[in-house]
């Protein structure tokens, strides 16, 4: 068997394994699929609500967004309707519609 043919067989086996794992209810796989879908399509339809530290709603956003969080910087970044929105040091809840 040639190397090229063996390579194709290995790649196909890997793809089949990934698809089979995703279809068996693997939640982490489902989350990864949703993340890739969001990256490829420019985001997901979401409602984003920003709260202050006492629980009062500061602002709410709605639309197709792809969210980036600064894990250690306390920053949430997203684009909505052509405008970049950056939120620092607030409680942000993003719910998919």
N, C-alpha and C. Protein backbone atom coordinates (compact mmCIF):
# COMPACT_ATOMS: atom_id res chain seq x y z
N UNK A 1 0.85 -1.17 0.00
CA UNK A 1 0.00 0.00 0.00
C UNK A 1 0.90 1.24 0.00
N UNK A 2 0.58 2.19 -0.84
CA UNK A 2 1.41 3.39 -0.95
C UNK A 2 1.20 4.30 0.28
N UNK A 3 2.16 5.16 0.52
CA UNK A 3 2.07 6.08 1.65
C UNK A 3 0.90 7.04 1.52
N UNK A 4 0.66 7.49 0.30
CA UNK A 4 -0.44 8.42 0.06
C UNK A 4 -1.78 7.77 0.39
N UNK A 5 -1.95 6.54 -0.02
CA UNK A 5 -3.20 5.82 0.25
C UNK A 5 -3.37 5.58 1.75
N UNK A 6 -2.27 5.23 2.44
CA UNK A 6 -2.32 5.01 3.87
C UNK A 6 -2.68 6.31 4.60
N UNK A 7 -2.12 7.43 4.15
CA UNK A 7 -2.41 8.73 4.73
C UNK A 7 -3.90 9.06 4.60
N UNK A 8 -4.47 8.84 3.43
CA UNK A 8 -5.90 9.09 3.19
C UNK A 8 -6.75 8.22 4.11
N UNK A 9 -6.40 6.97 4.27
CA UNK A 9 -7.16 6.06 5.14
C UNK A 9 -7.10 6.53 6.59
N UNK A 10 -5.94 6.96 7.06
CA UNK A 10 -5.80 7.45 8.43
C UNK A 10 -6.64 8.71 8.64
N UNK A 11 -6.60 9.62 7.69
CA UNK A 11 -7.39 10.86 7.79
C UNK A 11 -8.88 10.54 7.81
N UNK A 12 -9.33 9.67 6.94
CA UNK A 12 -10.75 9.29 6.91
C UNK A 12 -11.16 8.64 8.22
N UNK A 13 -10.32 7.78 8.77
CA UNK A 13 -10.62 7.13 10.05
C UNK A 13 -10.74 8.17 11.16
N UNK A 14 -9.86 9.17 11.15
CA UNK A 14 -9.91 10.22 12.17
C UNK A 14 -11.20 11.03 12.04
N UNK A 15 -11.58 11.36 10.82
CA UNK A 15 -12.81 12.13 10.60
C UNK A 15 -14.02 11.33 11.05
N UNK A 16 -14.07 10.06 10.71
CA UNK A 16 -15.19 9.21 11.12
C UNK A 16 -15.26 9.11 12.64
N UNK A 17 -14.11 8.99 13.30
CA UNK A 17 -14.08 8.91 14.76
C UNK A 17 -14.60 10.20 15.39
N UNK A 18 -14.19 11.34 14.85
CA UNK A 18 -14.64 12.62 15.38
C UNK A 18 -16.15 12.78 15.21
N UNK A 19 -16.66 12.43 14.05
CA UNK A 19 -18.10 12.55 13.79
C UNK A 19 -18.88 11.60 14.70
N UNK A 20 -18.40 10.37 14.84
CA UNK A 20 -19.09 9.39 15.69
C UNK A 20 -19.11 9.86 17.14
N UNK A 21 -18.01 10.43 17.61
CA UNK A 21 -17.95 10.94 18.98
C UNK A 21 -18.92 12.10 19.17
N UNK A 22 -18.99 13.00 18.19
CA UNK A 22 -19.89 14.15 18.28
C UNK A 22 -21.35 13.73 18.29
N UNK A 23 -21.68 12.66 17.59
CA UNK A 23 -23.06 12.22 17.50
C UNK A 23 -23.50 11.36 18.68
N UNK A 24 -22.58 10.95 19.53
CA UNK A 24 -22.95 10.09 20.66
C UNK A 24 -23.32 10.87 21.90
N UNK A 25 -23.39 12.18 21.82
CA UNK A 25 -23.83 12.96 22.96
C UNK A 25 -22.70 13.51 23.79
N UNK A 26 -21.51 13.52 23.28
CA UNK A 26 -20.36 14.07 23.99
C UNK A 26 -20.57 15.59 24.11
N UNK A 27 -20.83 16.07 25.31
CA UNK A 27 -21.16 17.48 25.49
C UNK A 27 -20.00 18.40 25.16
N UNK A 28 -18.78 18.00 25.52
CA UNK A 28 -17.64 18.86 25.19
C UNK A 28 -17.46 18.93 23.67
N UNK A 29 -17.77 17.83 22.97
CA UNK A 29 -17.69 17.85 21.51
C UNK A 29 -18.76 18.77 20.94
N UNK A 30 -19.95 18.75 21.51
CA UNK A 30 -21.03 19.62 21.06
C UNK A 30 -20.66 21.09 21.25
N UNK A 31 -20.01 21.40 22.37
CA UNK A 31 -19.58 22.78 22.62
C UNK A 31 -18.53 23.21 21.61
N UNK A 32 -17.62 22.32 21.28
CA UNK A 32 -16.59 22.65 20.30
C UNK A 32 -17.20 22.87 18.92
N UNK A 33 -18.18 22.05 18.55
CA UNK A 33 -18.87 22.22 17.27
C UNK A 33 -19.57 23.57 17.24
N UNK A 34 -20.21 23.96 18.34
CA UNK A 34 -20.89 25.26 18.43
C UNK A 34 -19.89 26.40 18.32
N UNK A 35 -18.71 26.24 18.92
CA UNK A 35 -17.67 27.26 18.84
C UNK A 35 -17.18 27.43 17.41
N UNK A 36 -16.96 26.33 16.71
CA UNK A 36 -16.52 26.40 15.32
C UNK A 36 -17.61 27.04 14.46
N UNK A 37 -18.86 26.66 14.71
CA UNK A 37 -19.98 27.25 13.97
C UNK A 37 -20.01 28.76 14.18
N UNK A 38 -19.82 29.21 15.40
CA UNK A 38 -19.81 30.63 15.71
C UNK A 38 -18.67 31.34 15.00
N UNK A 39 -17.48 30.72 15.01
CA UNK A 39 -16.32 31.32 14.34
C UNK A 39 -16.52 31.44 12.84
N UNK A 40 -17.13 30.44 12.22
CA UNK A 40 -17.28 30.43 10.77
C UNK A 40 -18.39 31.34 10.27
N UNK A 41 -19.41 31.55 11.09
CA UNK A 41 -20.57 32.32 10.64
C UNK A 41 -20.62 33.73 11.20
N UNK A 42 -19.57 34.16 11.90
CA UNK A 42 -19.57 35.52 12.43
C UNK A 42 -20.30 35.67 13.73
N UNK A 43 -20.59 34.59 14.41
CA UNK A 43 -21.23 34.66 15.71
C UNK A 43 -22.55 33.92 15.76
N UNK A 44 -23.18 34.01 16.91
CA UNK A 44 -24.49 33.40 17.14
C UNK A 44 -25.46 34.47 17.60
N UNK A 45 -26.74 34.24 17.37
CA UNK A 45 -27.76 35.18 17.85
C UNK A 45 -27.79 35.08 19.38
N UNK A 46 -27.53 36.22 20.03
CA UNK A 46 -27.43 36.23 21.48
C UNK A 46 -28.11 37.46 22.08
N UNK A 47 -28.44 37.33 23.35
CA UNK A 47 -28.83 38.46 24.18
C UNK A 47 -27.73 38.61 25.22
N UNK A 48 -27.09 39.76 25.27
CA UNK A 48 -25.99 40.01 26.20
C UNK A 48 -26.45 41.07 27.19
N UNK A 49 -26.41 40.72 28.46
CA UNK A 49 -26.83 41.63 29.51
C UNK A 49 -25.64 41.92 30.41
N UNK A 50 -25.43 43.21 30.69
CA UNK A 50 -24.33 43.64 31.53
C UNK A 50 -24.90 44.13 32.86
N UNK A 51 -24.33 43.62 33.96
CA UNK A 51 -24.77 43.97 35.31
C UNK A 51 -23.64 44.64 36.07
N UNK A 52 -24.00 45.50 37.02
CA UNK A 52 -22.98 46.03 37.92
C UNK A 52 -22.79 45.03 39.07
N UNK A 53 -21.92 45.36 40.00
CA UNK A 53 -21.60 44.42 41.08
C UNK A 53 -22.72 44.22 42.08
N UNK A 54 -23.77 45.06 42.03
CA UNK A 54 -24.90 44.88 42.94
C UNK A 54 -26.08 44.20 42.26
N UNK A 55 -25.92 43.83 40.98
CA UNK A 55 -26.96 43.11 40.27
C UNK A 55 -27.90 43.96 39.44
N UNK A 56 -27.65 45.24 39.36
CA UNK A 56 -28.49 46.13 38.55
C UNK A 56 -28.07 46.02 37.08
N UNK A 57 -29.07 45.98 36.18
CA UNK A 57 -28.78 45.91 34.75
C UNK A 57 -28.26 47.25 34.28
N UNK A 58 -27.07 47.25 33.69
CA UNK A 58 -26.50 48.47 33.13
C UNK A 58 -26.92 48.66 31.68
N UNK A 59 -26.85 47.57 30.90
CA UNK A 59 -27.18 47.66 29.48
C UNK A 59 -27.45 46.26 28.96
N UNK A 60 -28.25 46.20 27.89
CA UNK A 60 -28.54 44.93 27.24
C UNK A 60 -28.33 45.09 25.74
N UNK A 61 -27.73 44.06 25.12
CA UNK A 61 -27.47 44.06 23.69
C UNK A 61 -28.12 42.82 23.09
N UNK A 62 -28.54 42.93 21.84
CA UNK A 62 -29.16 41.79 21.17
C UNK A 62 -28.73 41.76 19.71
N UNK A 63 -28.32 40.58 19.25
CA UNK A 63 -27.92 40.44 17.86
C UNK A 63 -26.92 39.32 17.67
N UNK A 64 -26.38 39.25 16.46
CA UNK A 64 -25.42 38.21 16.11
C UNK A 64 -24.03 38.67 16.54
N UNK A 65 -23.45 37.96 17.51
CA UNK A 65 -22.16 38.35 18.05
C UNK A 65 -21.25 37.15 18.22
N UNK A 66 -19.97 37.44 18.17
CA UNK A 66 -18.93 36.47 18.49
C UNK A 66 -18.16 37.08 19.65
N UNK A 67 -18.17 36.43 20.79
CA UNK A 67 -17.64 37.02 22.03
C UNK A 67 -16.22 36.53 22.29
N UNK A 68 -15.38 37.47 22.71
CA UNK A 68 -14.02 37.15 23.14
C UNK A 68 -13.87 37.66 24.56
N UNK A 69 -13.40 36.81 25.45
CA UNK A 69 -13.21 37.27 26.82
C UNK A 69 -11.73 37.29 27.16
N UNK A 70 -11.36 38.30 27.91
CA UNK A 70 -9.99 38.38 28.43
C UNK A 70 -10.01 37.65 29.76
N UNK A 71 -9.63 36.39 29.72
CA UNK A 71 -9.81 35.51 30.87
C UNK A 71 -9.27 36.10 32.17
N UNK A 72 -8.15 36.77 32.11
CA UNK A 72 -7.55 37.30 33.33
C UNK A 72 -7.58 38.81 33.42
N UNK A 73 -8.10 39.47 32.39
CA UNK A 73 -8.08 40.93 32.38
C UNK A 73 -9.40 41.55 32.80
N UNK A 74 -10.44 40.74 32.98
CA UNK A 74 -11.74 41.29 33.34
C UNK A 74 -12.41 42.01 32.19
N UNK A 75 -12.10 41.60 30.96
CA UNK A 75 -12.60 42.29 29.77
C UNK A 75 -13.42 41.33 28.91
N UNK A 76 -14.53 41.83 28.36
CA UNK A 76 -15.34 41.09 27.39
C UNK A 76 -15.44 41.98 26.15
N UNK A 77 -15.19 41.37 24.98
CA UNK A 77 -15.14 42.10 23.73
C UNK A 77 -16.06 41.43 22.72
N UNK A 78 -16.87 42.23 22.01
CA UNK A 78 -17.67 41.70 20.92
C UNK A 78 -18.02 42.81 19.95
N UNK A 79 -18.34 42.42 18.73
CA UNK A 79 -18.77 43.36 17.69
C UNK A 79 -20.26 43.18 17.47
N UNK A 80 -20.98 44.28 17.37
CA UNK A 80 -22.42 44.24 17.15
C UNK A 80 -22.80 45.39 16.24
N UNK A 81 -23.45 45.07 15.12
CA UNK A 81 -23.90 46.08 14.16
C UNK A 81 -22.75 46.99 13.70
N UNK A 82 -21.59 46.38 13.47
CA UNK A 82 -20.45 47.13 12.97
C UNK A 82 -19.70 47.93 14.01
N UNK A 83 -20.09 47.83 15.27
CA UNK A 83 -19.41 48.57 16.33
C UNK A 83 -18.77 47.59 17.31
N UNK A 84 -17.55 47.92 17.73
CA UNK A 84 -16.85 47.10 18.71
C UNK A 84 -17.25 47.56 20.11
N UNK A 85 -17.61 46.60 20.95
CA UNK A 85 -18.00 46.90 22.33
C UNK A 85 -17.05 46.16 23.25
N UNK A 86 -16.43 46.90 24.16
CA UNK A 86 -15.51 46.34 25.14
C UNK A 86 -16.05 46.68 26.52
N UNK A 87 -16.21 45.67 27.36
CA UNK A 87 -16.74 45.86 28.70
C UNK A 87 -15.68 45.41 29.70
N UNK A 88 -15.36 46.29 30.65
CA UNK A 88 -14.37 45.99 31.67
C UNK A 88 -15.03 45.84 33.04
N UNK A 89 -14.62 44.84 33.78
CA UNK A 89 -14.96 44.68 35.19
C UNK A 89 -16.46 44.77 35.49
N UNK A 90 -17.24 44.04 34.73
CA UNK A 90 -18.68 43.96 34.97
C UNK A 90 -19.10 42.51 34.83
N UNK A 91 -20.26 42.20 35.29
CA UNK A 91 -20.82 40.87 35.14
C UNK A 91 -21.56 40.83 33.81
N UNK A 92 -21.15 39.92 32.93
CA UNK A 92 -21.72 39.83 31.59
C UNK A 92 -22.31 38.43 31.41
N UNK A 93 -23.59 38.41 31.04
CA UNK A 93 -24.26 37.13 30.75
C UNK A 93 -24.69 37.17 29.30
N UNK A 94 -24.21 36.18 28.55
CA UNK A 94 -24.56 36.07 27.12
C UNK A 94 -25.38 34.82 26.94
N UNK A 95 -26.61 34.98 26.49
CA UNK A 95 -27.51 33.85 26.28
C UNK A 95 -27.80 33.70 24.80
N UNK A 96 -27.66 32.49 24.31
CA UNK A 96 -28.00 32.21 22.92
C UNK A 96 -29.50 32.20 22.78
N UNK A 97 -29.98 32.78 21.69
CA UNK A 97 -31.43 32.79 21.43
C UNK A 97 -31.90 31.43 21.01
